[in-house]
Amino acid sequence: MAYINARTMINQFKRSFGEAQLNELGKLARFCRRERIVTPHRLALSMMEIFAASGAKTIADVQRAFNALCAQDVQYKPFHNQLSKRQFPTFMRLLLSRLVNELACEVLRFGPHSPFAQFTQIRLQDGTSFAVQSTLAEAFPGRFTTISPAAVELHVNMDLLTEAVNEVVLTPDTAAEAQFLPPPSERAGELLLGDRGYFDKNYLATVHRAGGSFIVRGKANLNPLVRRAFGSDGQEIKSGRGKPLKELAGRIGWHTVVDLDVRFTCDDGTTYACRLVTHRHPREGKPRYLVTNLDRAQFSAEQVADAYRLRWQIELLFKEWKSYANLRAFATGNAAIAEGLIWAALCAATLKRYCAHMTQRITGVAISTRRAAMCIHHVLTDIFQSLLHAPKRLAAMMTRAIDYLSKNARRAHPQRDAQTGRLKLDLRHVGTAP
């Protein structure tokens, strides 16, 4: 692989993880005033290195990783004191925000003839929760007080085409999901995919008026007024006109897919007309309701159902976070440390995805982000060592890492992806051979 092909990635690493830049970020967060041994730069790199390796089980593990990477001999107590600062989570959250903005690149693109190519962004919205130390119940109360008295939830907005997050909000697990939906006024030209926890007919009507599009799974108790109904054979079900959805359940149940024009009554008394696509859930065996404002002339009911399945990509992101970036509870009753370590895990996960995405663009090989997350720690430590101690070796270490990922993290079944997987709607990998 030619060195020049990796130069963009090498330069990005120097900008994103430079000593002056990260130390300045630490001062901005008021995490440090004077640069001593545990500088923001050293701490950030050591955090990402140990979390990327999925080897951190205790804070002592993080401290030992810091000493190994930075060639220092900091004892546990002074290291713990640094993490105990209330500004520690602020610093790690600012670092994540920086990485999210700087390390995103387009990795997927719809073909020019796909109706989905018209959208500037396809947003996936969901949340993931997990328990933390029970002594943190006051700071992070959980929904299930008997089993998990303390828990947090991450509310995530993800872009499908970059496979990167747009925004992450950390709250106690008791916070409602729908309040973290993106502002509808900013959704013009975008498509939103959301699970049933995000169904809000008032919000969807506002998104439509702002020029945005959506496919959101409706709740089982939906009962809008049906204006027209079309069966899986494309023929209108005339007996469905003017009836509530619940009255039609028996008549449309035998159809694999039913495409309905419906009207909802909003909280302010106004009505909102849109489509509702029902199709049988492959595992549950009962209808799944997908509410959308996509034009039937451009988007068939089957395409709406296939597009909604793309929402699964955010579930895969959560799995990567928890399985390969140490996103879990640590044995600490300090809320600042607990929150800071969560942001550190997400920083490591963001870096892993960037390496996978850039490897794909540089080499032309379709890369699996899951496989990259599983194995990149074998070469990532050398990159961080170069950043800290031998900058002249960075280019060689980066080139080696790209070559390693291109051989060990490639997608297993790209042809199957195009037929039944995420590429079914003419979605293509950017930079790879057709």
Protein backbone atom coordinates (compact mmCIF):
# COMPACT_ATOMS: atom_id res chain seq x y z
CA MET A 1 0.00 0.00 0.00
CA ALA A 2 1.42 3.36 -0.97
CA TYR A 3 2.25 5.69 1.91
CA ILE A 4 0.52 8.60 0.18
CA ASN A 5 -2.84 6.79 0.40
CA ALA A 6 -2.63 6.83 4.20
CA ARG A 7 -1.43 10.42 4.53
CA THR A 8 -4.93 11.81 5.15
CA MET A 9 -5.45 9.43 8.06
CA ILE A 10 -1.98 10.12 9.47
CA ASN A 11 -2.53 13.88 9.38
CA GLN A 12 -5.94 13.49 11.01
CA PHE A 13 -4.39 11.54 13.89
CA LYS A 14 -1.84 14.30 14.41
CA ARG A 15 -4.58 16.93 14.52
CA SER A 16 -7.02 15.03 16.69
CA PHE A 17 -4.52 13.60 19.16
CA GLY A 18 -1.79 16.24 19.21
CA GLU A 19 -0.30 17.10 22.59
CA ALA A 20 -0.97 20.83 22.39
CA GLN A 21 -4.55 20.34 21.21
CA LEU A 22 -5.56 17.86 23.93
CA ASN A 23 -3.81 19.76 26.72
CA GLU A 24 -5.64 22.90 25.62
CA LEU A 25 -8.92 20.96 25.66
CA GLY A 26 -8.16 19.90 29.25
CA LYS A 27 -7.63 23.53 30.24
CA LEU A 28 -10.86 24.53 28.48
CA ALA A 29 -12.70 21.95 30.60
CA ARG A 30 -10.79 23.25 33.66
CA PHE A 31 -9.56 19.73 34.23
CA CYS A 32 -6.02 21.04 34.71
CA ARG A 33 -4.27 24.36 35.15
CA ARG A 34 -0.67 23.20 35.08
CA GLU A 35 0.65 20.28 33.05
CA ARG A 36 2.25 17.82 35.42
CA ILE A 37 2.48 14.04 35.00
CA VAL A 38 -1.17 13.14 34.37
CA THR A 39 -1.65 15.63 31.56
CA PRO A 40 -4.89 15.69 29.54
CA HIS A 41 -2.95 14.45 26.49
CA ARG A 42 -1.46 11.43 28.27
CA LEU A 43 -4.68 10.62 30.09
CA ALA A 44 -6.80 10.76 26.92
CA LEU A 45 -4.48 8.48 24.94
CA SER A 46 -4.11 5.97 27.77
CA MET A 47 -7.88 5.88 28.32
CA MET A 48 -8.57 5.15 24.66
CA GLU A 49 -5.78 2.57 24.51
CA ILE A 50 -7.02 0.52 27.47
CA PHE A 51 -10.72 0.84 26.60
CA ALA A 52 -10.08 -0.13 22.97
CA ALA A 53 -8.37 -3.28 24.20
CA SER A 54 -11.39 -4.21 26.37
CA GLY A 55 -8.95 -4.88 29.19
CA ALA A 56 -10.15 -2.41 31.83
CA LYS A 57 -12.06 -4.02 34.69
CA THR A 58 -11.02 -1.74 37.55
CA ILE A 59 -9.64 1.76 37.95
CA ALA A 60 -6.36 0.13 38.95
CA ASP A 61 -6.25 -1.42 35.46
CA VAL A 62 -6.62 2.06 33.96
CA GLN A 63 -3.83 3.39 36.20
CA ARG A 64 -1.46 0.58 35.22
CA ALA A 65 -2.27 1.11 31.54
CA PHE A 66 -1.45 4.80 31.94
CA ASN A 67 1.95 3.99 33.44
CA ALA A 68 2.75 1.44 30.74
CA LEU A 69 1.79 3.64 27.78
CA CYS A 70 3.25 6.89 29.13
CA ALA A 71 6.36 5.37 30.76
CA GLN A 72 5.45 6.86 34.14
CA ASP A 73 5.22 5.62 37.73
CA VAL A 74 2.08 7.30 39.05
CA GLN A 75 0.67 5.60 42.14
CA TYR A 76 -2.99 4.68 42.47
CA LYS A 77 -4.03 7.38 44.95
CA PRO A 78 -2.84 10.47 42.99
CA PHE A 79 -4.16 8.92 39.77
CA HIS A 80 -7.55 8.32 41.39
CA ASN A 81 -7.56 11.91 42.63
CA GLN A 82 -7.29 13.13 39.04
CA LEU A 83 -10.28 11.05 37.96
CA SER A 84 -12.26 12.25 40.98
CA LYS A 85 -12.23 15.83 39.74
CA ARG A 86 -15.71 17.00 38.80
CA GLN A 87 -14.18 18.34 35.55
CA PHE A 88 -12.99 14.86 34.48
CA PRO A 89 -16.29 13.86 32.78
CA THR A 90 -16.47 17.32 31.18
CA PHE A 91 -13.04 16.81 29.62
CA MET A 92 -13.89 13.34 28.31
CA ARG A 93 -17.25 14.54 26.96
CA LEU A 94 -15.56 17.42 25.13
CA LEU A 95 -13.03 14.95 23.72
CA LEU A 96 -15.85 12.75 22.43
CA SER A 97 -17.54 15.76 20.84
CA ARG A 98 -14.28 16.65 19.14
CA LEU A 99 -13.74 13.13 17.82
CA VAL A 100 -17.35 12.80 16.62
CA ASN A 101 -16.95 16.00 14.59
CA GLU A 102 -13.46 15.32 13.24
CA LEU A 103 -13.46 11.56 12.60
CA ALA A 104 -16.64 11.18 10.54
CA CYS A 105 -16.43 10.28 6.86
CA GLU A 106 -18.94 8.94 4.33
CA VAL A 107 -18.75 5.15 4.09
CA LEU A 108 -22.16 4.30 2.61
CA ARG A 109 -24.03 5.91 -0.27
CA PHE A 110 -27.24 5.10 -2.10
CA GLY A 111 -27.00 4.46 -5.82
CA PRO A 112 -28.12 7.33 -8.05
CA HIS A 113 -31.32 5.54 -9.05
CA SER A 114 -32.40 4.72 -5.50
CA PRO A 115 -35.26 6.90 -4.22
CA PHE A 116 -33.39 7.14 -0.91
CA ALA A 117 -30.52 9.00 -2.60
CA GLN A 118 -32.48 12.24 -2.25
CA PHE A 119 -31.92 12.45 1.53
CA THR A 120 -29.02 14.52 2.82
CA GLN A 121 -28.86 12.41 5.98
CA ILE A 122 -30.56 9.33 7.36
CA ARG A 123 -30.81 9.58 11.11
CA LEU A 124 -31.26 6.56 13.39
CA GLN A 125 -32.56 7.36 16.87
CA ASP A 126 -32.45 5.00 19.85
CA GLY A 127 -31.15 4.57 23.38
CA THR A 128 -29.23 1.97 25.34
CA SER A 129 -29.11 1.55 29.10
CA PHE A 130 -27.05 -0.39 31.62
CA ALA A 131 -26.69 -0.65 35.37
CA VAL A 132 -23.98 1.16 37.33
CA GLN A 133 -22.82 0.77 40.92
CA SER A 134 -25.88 0.69 43.21
CA THR A 135 -24.35 3.41 45.41
CA LEU A 136 -24.93 5.82 42.52
CA ALA A 137 -28.71 5.50 42.77
CA GLU A 138 -29.11 9.12 43.88
CA ALA A 139 -27.18 10.49 40.89
CA PHE A 140 -28.42 7.92 38.35
CA PRO A 141 -31.74 6.39 39.48
CA GLY A 142 -32.80 3.31 37.55
CA ARG A 143 -36.25 2.33 36.30
CA PHE A 144 -36.11 -1.12 37.91
CA THR A 145 -35.27 -0.22 41.51
CA THR A 146 -35.17 -3.79 42.82
CA ILE A 147 -32.88 -5.25 40.16
CA SER A 148 -30.94 -2.13 39.10
CA PRO A 149 -31.37 0.72 41.58
CA ALA A 150 -28.78 2.74 39.66
CA ALA A 151 -28.62 2.85 35.86
CA VAL A 152 -27.83 5.24 33.02
CA GLU A 153 -29.17 5.59 29.50
CA LEU A 154 -27.40 6.91 26.44
CA HIS A 155 -29.75 8.61 23.99
CA VAL A 156 -28.07 8.39 20.59
CA ASN A 157 -28.66 9.98 17.21
CA MET A 158 -26.64 8.20 14.51
CA ASP A 159 -26.06 8.92 10.81
CA LEU A 160 -26.45 5.84 8.63
CA LEU A 161 -24.20 7.03 5.80
CA THR A 162 -21.19 7.81 8.00
CA GLU A 163 -21.99 5.08 10.56
CA ALA A 164 -21.05 7.66 13.20
CA VAL A 165 -23.02 9.34 15.96
CA ASN A 166 -24.34 12.87 15.61
CA GLU A 167 -25.16 13.30 19.28
CA VAL A 168 -25.04 11.36 22.55
CA VAL A 169 -26.87 12.45 25.70
CA LEU A 170 -26.26 10.69 29.04
CA THR A 171 -29.12 10.67 31.55
CA PRO A 172 -30.44 8.57 34.43
CA ASP A 173 -32.34 5.55 33.14
CA THR A 174 -35.61 7.09 34.32
CA ALA A 175 -35.56 9.80 31.62
CA ALA A 176 -38.16 9.43 28.86
CA GLU A 177 -36.79 8.71 25.36
CA ALA A 178 -38.94 10.87 23.11
CA GLN A 179 -37.70 14.17 24.57
CA PHE A 180 -34.29 13.56 23.01
CA LEU A 181 -35.51 13.44 19.42
CA PRO A 182 -33.72 15.97 17.17
CA PRO A 183 -35.45 19.36 16.72
CA PRO A 184 -38.02 19.00 13.90
CA SER A 185 -37.23 22.44 12.49
CA GLU A 186 -33.76 21.22 11.46
CA ARG A 187 -34.83 18.03 9.67
CA ALA A 188 -35.53 19.37 6.17
CA GLY A 189 -34.23 16.94 3.52
CA GLU A 190 -33.49 14.22 6.11
CA LEU A 191 -35.03 10.83 6.88
CA LEU A 192 -35.56 9.76 10.50
CA LEU A 193 -35.81 6.09 11.52
CA GLY A 194 -37.09 5.46 15.04
CA ASP A 195 -38.42 2.63 17.19
CA ARG A 196 -41.86 2.72 18.83
CA GLY A 197 -40.49 4.52 21.89
CA TYR A 198 -40.14 7.58 19.65
CA PHE A 199 -43.62 7.54 18.18
CA ASP A 200 -45.21 10.95 18.79
CA LYS A 201 -47.85 11.99 16.26
CA ASN A 202 -47.46 15.66 17.20
CA TYR A 203 -43.69 15.55 16.64
CA LEU A 204 -44.06 13.69 13.33
CA ALA A 205 -46.59 16.21 12.04
CA THR A 206 -44.13 19.00 12.86
CA VAL A 207 -41.29 17.16 11.08
CA HIS A 208 -43.49 16.83 8.00
CA ARG A 209 -44.32 20.53 7.99
CA ALA A 210 -40.59 21.34 8.31
CA GLY A 211 -39.78 19.34 5.14
CA GLY A 212 -38.41 16.23 6.86
CA SER A 213 -39.29 12.57 6.32
CA PHE A 214 -39.65 9.71 8.76
CA ILE A 215 -40.29 6.01 9.25
CA VAL A 216 -41.20 5.37 12.88
CA ARG A 217 -42.58 2.18 14.33
CA GLY A 218 -46.02 2.74 15.85
CA LYS A 219 -47.24 1.30 19.10
CA ALA A 220 -49.58 -1.70 19.20
CA ASN A 221 -52.51 0.41 20.43
CA LEU A 222 -52.54 2.68 17.37
CA ASN A 223 -56.06 3.32 16.12
CA PRO A 224 -56.07 6.09 13.48
CA LEU A 225 -58.87 6.56 11.01
CA VAL A 226 -58.20 4.64 7.79
CA ARG A 227 -58.94 6.62 4.63
CA ARG A 228 -57.79 3.98 2.09
CA ALA A 229 -56.16 0.55 2.32
CA PHE A 230 -54.17 -1.41 -0.26
CA GLY A 231 -53.36 -5.09 0.10
CA SER A 232 -50.14 -6.93 -0.73
CA ASP A 233 -51.54 -7.53 -4.24
CA GLY A 234 -51.79 -3.75 -4.81
CA GLN A 235 -55.60 -3.82 -4.92
CA GLU A 236 -57.60 -1.44 -2.76
CA ILE A 237 -59.45 -2.97 0.19
CA LYS A 238 -62.61 -0.91 -0.25
CA SER A 239 -64.25 -2.18 2.91
CA GLY A 240 -61.55 -0.39 4.90
CA ARG A 241 -62.55 3.13 3.95
CA GLY A 242 -63.51 5.41 6.83
CA LYS A 243 -63.02 2.85 9.62
CA PRO A 244 -60.69 2.85 12.64
CA LEU A 245 -57.63 0.63 12.26
CA LYS A 246 -58.75 -1.74 15.04
CA GLU A 247 -61.89 -2.65 13.11
CA LEU A 248 -59.80 -3.74 10.10
CA ALA A 249 -57.33 -5.98 11.93
CA GLY A 250 -59.14 -9.18 10.98
CA ARG A 251 -59.68 -8.19 7.36
CA ILE A 252 -56.08 -7.22 6.61
CA GLY A 253 -54.35 -9.86 8.74
CA TRP A 254 -53.94 -12.33 5.89
CA HIS A 255 -52.01 -9.84 3.76
CA THR A 256 -48.20 -9.93 4.05
CA VAL A 257 -48.01 -6.15 3.61
CA VAL A 258 -50.81 -3.59 3.81
CA ASP A 259 -50.37 0.04 2.78
CA LEU A 260 -52.81 2.45 4.44
CA ASP A 261 -53.65 6.13 4.18
CA VAL A 262 -54.55 7.18 7.73
CA ARG A 263 -55.47 10.29 9.68
CA PHE A 264 -54.35 10.97 13.26
CA THR A 265 -55.87 13.53 15.63
CA CYS A 266 -53.15 15.60 17.29
CA ASP A 267 -53.26 16.93 20.84
CA ASP A 268 -54.22 20.42 19.66
CA GLY A 269 -57.29 19.05 17.88
CA THR A 270 -55.85 19.29 14.36
CA THR A 271 -55.56 16.23 12.13
CA TYR A 272 -52.53 14.85 10.35
CA ALA A 273 -52.70 12.53 7.33
CA CYS A 274 -49.86 10.11 6.49
CA ARG A 275 -49.17 6.48 5.53
CA LEU A 276 -49.14 3.46 7.76
CA VAL A 277 -47.47 0.30 6.45
CA THR A 278 -48.24 -2.95 8.26
CA HIS A 279 -46.20 -6.08 7.70
CA ARG A 280 -45.73 -9.27 9.62
CA HIS A 281 -42.89 -9.24 12.11
CA PRO A 282 -40.53 -12.09 11.07
CA ARG A 283 -40.17 -13.38 14.64
CA GLU A 284 -43.30 -12.21 16.46
CA GLY A 285 -45.71 -13.32 13.73
CA LYS A 286 -48.01 -10.33 14.26
CA PRO A 287 -48.33 -7.04 12.37
CA ARG A 288 -45.73 -4.34 12.82
CA TYR A 289 -46.94 -0.79 12.20
CA LEU A 290 -44.63 1.63 10.39
CA VAL A 291 -45.81 5.24 10.22
CA THR A 292 -44.25 7.27 7.41
CA ASN A 293 -44.80 10.32 5.23
CA LEU A 294 -42.84 8.93 2.25
CA ASP A 295 -44.67 9.29 -1.05
CA ARG A 296 -46.24 6.03 -2.23
CA ALA A 297 -45.42 6.92 -5.85
CA GLN A 298 -41.69 6.89 -5.01
CA PHE A 299 -41.44 4.43 -2.11
CA SER A 300 -43.29 1.12 -2.14
CA ALA A 301 -44.50 -0.50 1.05
CA GLU A 302 -41.76 -3.13 0.75
CA GLN A 303 -39.11 -0.41 0.45
CA VAL A 304 -40.48 1.30 3.54
CA ALA A 305 -40.21 -1.97 5.48
CA ASP A 306 -36.67 -2.64 4.18
CA ALA A 307 -35.60 0.91 5.05
CA TYR A 308 -36.87 0.53 8.61
CA ARG A 309 -34.69 -2.56 9.01
CA LEU A 310 -31.66 -0.29 8.53
CA ARG A 311 -32.41 0.98 12.03
CA TRP A 312 -30.74 -2.22 13.24
CA GLN A 313 -27.37 -0.57 12.51
CA ILE A 314 -27.69 1.48 15.68
CA GLU A 315 -28.28 -1.71 17.68
CA LEU A 316 -25.04 -3.08 16.24
CA LEU A 317 -23.31 0.13 17.35
CA PHE A 318 -24.53 -0.41 20.91
CA LYS A 319 -23.28 -3.99 20.82
CA GLU A 320 -19.82 -2.78 19.78
CA TRP A 321 -19.79 -0.29 22.62
CA LYS A 322 -20.66 -2.87 25.25
CA SER A 323 -18.69 -5.83 23.89
CA TYR A 324 -15.51 -4.21 22.57
CA ALA A 325 -15.12 -0.80 24.27
CA ASN A 326 -15.75 -1.53 27.98
CA LEU A 327 -19.06 0.34 28.15
CA ARG A 328 -20.26 -1.07 31.46
CA ALA A 329 -20.38 -0.43 35.20
CA PHE A 330 -17.12 0.16 37.08
CA ALA A 331 -16.73 -0.46 40.79
CA THR A 332 -16.88 3.18 41.84
CA GLY A 333 -19.31 5.17 43.91
CA ASN A 334 -18.00 8.44 42.51
CA ALA A 335 -20.44 9.85 39.96
CA ALA A 336 -17.76 11.93 38.21
CA ILE A 337 -15.52 8.90 37.66
CA ALA A 338 -18.43 6.73 36.51
CA GLU A 339 -19.54 9.32 33.96
CA GLY A 340 -16.01 10.10 32.78
CA LEU A 341 -15.29 6.42 32.12
CA ILE A 342 -18.47 6.13 30.06
CA TRP A 343 -17.33 9.00 27.82
CA ALA A 344 -13.87 7.41 27.61
CA ALA A 345 -15.39 4.16 26.35
CA LEU A 346 -17.29 6.04 23.65
CA CYS A 347 -14.10 7.87 22.62
CA ALA A 348 -12.36 4.53 22.12
CA ALA A 349 -15.32 3.15 20.15
CA THR A 350 -15.42 6.25 17.93
CA LEU A 351 -11.72 5.90 17.17
CA LYS A 352 -12.14 2.23 16.27
CA ARG A 353 -14.90 2.99 13.78
CA TYR A 354 -12.86 5.76 12.19
CA CYS A 355 -9.95 3.36 11.63
CA ALA A 356 -12.32 0.84 10.03
CA HIS A 357 -13.92 3.46 7.80
CA MET A 358 -10.65 4.99 6.62
CA THR A 359 -9.17 1.56 5.95
CA GLN A 360 -12.13 0.87 3.66
CA ARG A 361 -11.67 4.14 1.80
CA ILE A 362 -7.90 3.77 1.48
CA THR A 363 -7.73 0.12 0.46
CA GLY A 364 -11.06 -0.31 -1.37
CA VAL A 365 -11.91 -3.33 0.82
CA ALA A 366 -15.32 -3.45 2.54
CA ILE A 367 -14.53 -3.46 6.27
CA SER A 368 -16.67 -4.81 9.11
CA THR A 369 -16.73 -2.36 12.01
CA ARG A 370 -17.42 -5.25 14.37
CA ARG A 371 -14.37 -7.20 13.24
CA ALA A 372 -12.26 -4.05 13.38
CA ALA A 373 -13.46 -3.38 16.93
CA MET A 374 -12.51 -6.93 17.90
CA CYS A 375 -8.95 -6.89 16.61
CA ILE A 376 -7.62 -3.33 16.24
CA HIS A 377 -6.11 -3.29 19.73
CA HIS A 378 -3.32 -5.50 18.36
CA VAL A 379 -1.95 -2.51 16.40
CA LEU A 380 -3.45 0.50 18.17
CA THR A 381 -1.00 0.49 21.08
CA ASP A 382 1.91 0.96 18.66
CA ILE A 383 0.15 3.99 17.17
CA PHE A 384 -0.31 5.60 20.58
CA GLN A 385 3.29 4.78 21.53
CA SER A 386 4.39 6.62 18.40
CA LEU A 387 2.20 9.63 19.18
CA LEU A 388 3.69 9.89 22.67
CA HIS A 389 7.31 8.88 22.24
CA ALA A 390 8.34 8.58 18.57
CA PRO A 391 6.33 10.79 16.18
CA LYS A 392 8.60 9.86 13.27
CA ARG A 393 7.37 6.25 13.51
CA LEU A 394 3.69 7.21 13.27
CA ALA A 395 3.47 6.87 9.48
CA ALA A 396 4.92 3.36 9.56
CA MET A 397 2.63 2.26 12.41
CA MET A 398 -0.45 3.70 10.70
CA THR A 399 0.40 2.01 7.41
CA ARG A 400 0.87 -1.28 9.26
CA ALA A 401 -2.50 -0.87 11.02
CA ILE A 402 -4.32 -0.18 7.74
CA ASP A 403 -2.74 -3.22 6.12
CA TYR A 404 -3.64 -5.35 9.14
CA LEU A 405 -7.30 -4.28 9.15
CA SER A 406 -7.67 -4.74 5.41
CA LYS A 407 -6.70 -8.40 5.84
CA ASN A 408 -8.32 -9.22 9.20
CA ALA A 409 -11.47 -7.09 9.38
CA ARG A 410 -13.01 -7.36 5.91
CA ARG A 411 -16.73 -8.06 5.63
CA ALA A 412 -17.46 -11.76 5.25
CA HIS A 413 -20.45 -11.72 2.86
CA PRO A 414 -20.70 -8.51 0.80
CA GLN A 415 -22.75 -10.28 -1.89
CA ARG A 416 -25.29 -11.45 0.70
CA ASP A 417 -25.45 -7.90 2.08
CA ALA A 418 -26.61 -6.69 -1.33
CA GLN A 419 -29.32 -9.34 -1.64
CA THR A 420 -30.87 -9.61 1.83
CA GLY A 421 -28.76 -7.41 4.12
CA ARG A 422 -28.21 -3.72 4.66
CA LEU A 423 -27.24 -3.04 1.03
CA LYS A 424 -30.56 -4.34 -0.31
CA LEU A 425 -31.91 -0.87 -1.19
CA ASP A 426 -28.96 -0.14 -3.53
CA LEU A 427 -26.86 1.08 -0.62
CA ARG A 428 -23.18 0.86 -1.54
CA HIS A 429 -19.81 0.96 0.22
CA VAL A 430 -17.95 4.15 -0.67
CA GLY A 431 -14.57 3.52 -2.26
CA THR A 432 -14.98 -0.19 -2.92
CA ALA A 433 -15.35 -2.06 -6.18
CA PRO A 434 -18.99 -2.56 -7.31
